[in-house]
Amino acid sequence: MNGTYKVKNQDLLVIHRRIKELIRQFDKVSFSHVRREYNKLADGVVNRILDENQ
C-alpha cells in the first residue's frame, strides 16, 4: 500500500484502488505485514482460492 510494489493483477488492482479511496477518509492509517506462517487462516484461504482459479 506504500507504493513499493506495483499491482498487476486486475482483480487485486480494483481492491487496491478502493483501499486507497478509503484511506483518504482517515487522519492516520497503518499497515503491518503478517507472514503466512504466522497467519494460517489467511494462508489457507489464499491457497484455496488459487487452487480454484487454476
C-alpha atoms as a PDB file:
ATOM      1  CA  MET A   1       0.000   0.000   0.000  1.00  0.00           C
ATOM      2  CA  ASN A   2       3.009   2.301   0.311  1.00  0.00           C
ATOM      3  CA  GLY A   3       3.831   2.147  -3.399  1.00  0.00           C
ATOM      4  CA  THR A   4       6.846  -0.148  -3.156  1.00  0.00           C
ATOM      5  CA  TYR A   5       5.238  -2.753  -5.412  1.00  0.00           C
ATOM      6  CA  LYS A   6       3.059  -2.420  -8.495  1.00  0.00           C
ATOM      7  CA  VAL A   7      -0.297  -4.192  -8.511  1.00  0.00           C
ATOM      8  CA  LYS A   8      -0.520  -6.058 -11.815  1.00  0.00           C
ATOM      9  CA  ASN A   9      -3.399  -8.459 -11.136  1.00  0.00           C
ATOM     10  CA  GLN A  10      -6.605  -6.799 -12.347  1.00  0.00           C
ATOM     11  CA  ASP A  11      -8.733  -8.312  -9.564  1.00  0.00           C
ATOM     12  CA  LEU A  12      -6.322  -7.034  -6.922  1.00  0.00           C
ATOM     13  CA  LEU A  13      -5.992  -3.667  -8.659  1.00  0.00           C
ATOM     14  CA  VAL A  14      -9.698  -2.962  -8.109  1.00  0.00           C
ATOM     15  CA  ILE A  15      -9.321  -3.770  -4.408  1.00  0.00           C
ATOM     16  CA  HIS A  16      -6.120  -1.717  -4.172  1.00  0.00           C
ATOM     17  CA  ARG A  17      -7.802   1.340  -5.674  1.00  0.00           C
ATOM     18  CA  ARG A  18     -10.748   1.022  -3.281  1.00  0.00           C
ATOM     19  CA  ILE A  19      -8.446   0.799  -0.284  1.00  0.00           C
ATOM     20  CA  LYS A  20      -6.637   3.936  -1.466  1.00  0.00           C
ATOM     21  CA  GLU A  21     -10.019   5.722  -1.627  1.00  0.00           C
ATOM     22  CA  LEU A  22     -10.940   4.575   1.884  1.00  0.00           C
ATOM     23  CA  ILE A  23      -7.588   5.650   3.321  1.00  0.00           C
ATOM     24  CA  ARG A  24      -8.404   9.264   2.480  1.00  0.00           C
ATOM     25  CA  GLN A  25     -11.262   9.166   4.996  1.00  0.00           C
ATOM     26  CA  PHE A  26      -8.907   8.747   7.950  1.00  0.00           C
ATOM     27  CA  ASP A  27      -6.313  11.005   9.552  1.00  0.00           C
ATOM     28  CA  LYS A  28      -3.932   8.124  10.131  1.00  0.00           C
ATOM     29  CA  VAL A  29      -3.732   4.587   8.733  1.00  0.00           C
ATOM     30  CA  SER A  30      -1.088   1.953   9.341  1.00  0.00           C
ATOM     31  CA  PHE A  31      -0.492  -1.458   7.852  1.00  0.00           C
ATOM     32  CA  SER A  32       1.595  -4.315   9.122  1.00  0.00           C
ATOM     33  CA  HIS A  33       2.759  -7.344   7.208  1.00  0.00           C
ATOM     34  CA  VAL A  34       1.922 -10.719   8.735  1.00  0.00           C
ATOM     35  CA  ARG A  35       3.961 -13.532   7.241  1.00  0.00           C
ATOM     36  CA  ARG A  36       1.960 -16.519   6.039  1.00  0.00           C
ATOM     37  CA  GLU A  37       3.483 -18.874   8.567  1.00  0.00           C
ATOM     38  CA  TYR A  38       2.030 -16.698  11.320  1.00  0.00           C
ATOM     39  CA  ASN A  39      -1.408 -16.435   9.736  1.00  0.00           C
ATOM     40  CA  LYS A  40      -2.543 -19.972   8.926  1.00  0.00           C
ATOM     41  CA  LEU A  41      -6.166 -18.962   8.300  1.00  0.00           C
ATOM     42  CA  ALA A  42      -5.280 -16.404   5.620  1.00  0.00           C
ATOM     43  CA  ASP A  43      -2.769 -18.792   4.061  1.00  0.00           C
ATOM     44  CA  GLY A  44      -5.445 -21.492   3.792  1.00  0.00           C
ATOM     45  CA  VAL A  45      -7.929 -19.109   2.186  1.00  0.00           C
ATOM     46  CA  VAL A  46      -5.369 -17.866  -0.339  1.00  0.00           C
ATOM     47  CA  ASN A  47      -4.309 -21.389  -1.252  1.00  0.00           C
ATOM     48  CA  ARG A  48      -7.938 -22.497  -1.701  1.00  0.00           C
ATOM     49  CA  ILE A  49      -8.678 -19.541  -3.974  1.00  0.00           C
ATOM     50  CA  LEU A  50      -5.536 -20.126  -6.008  1.00  0.00           C
ATOM     51  CA  ASP A  51      -6.429 -23.800  -6.424  1.00  0.00           C
ATOM     52  CA  GLU A  52      -9.976 -22.938  -7.546  1.00  0.00           C
ATOM     53  CA  ASN A  53      -8.711 -20.500 -10.185  1.00  0.00           C
ATOM     54  CA  GLN A  54      -6.128 -22.718 -11.867  1.00  0.00           C
END
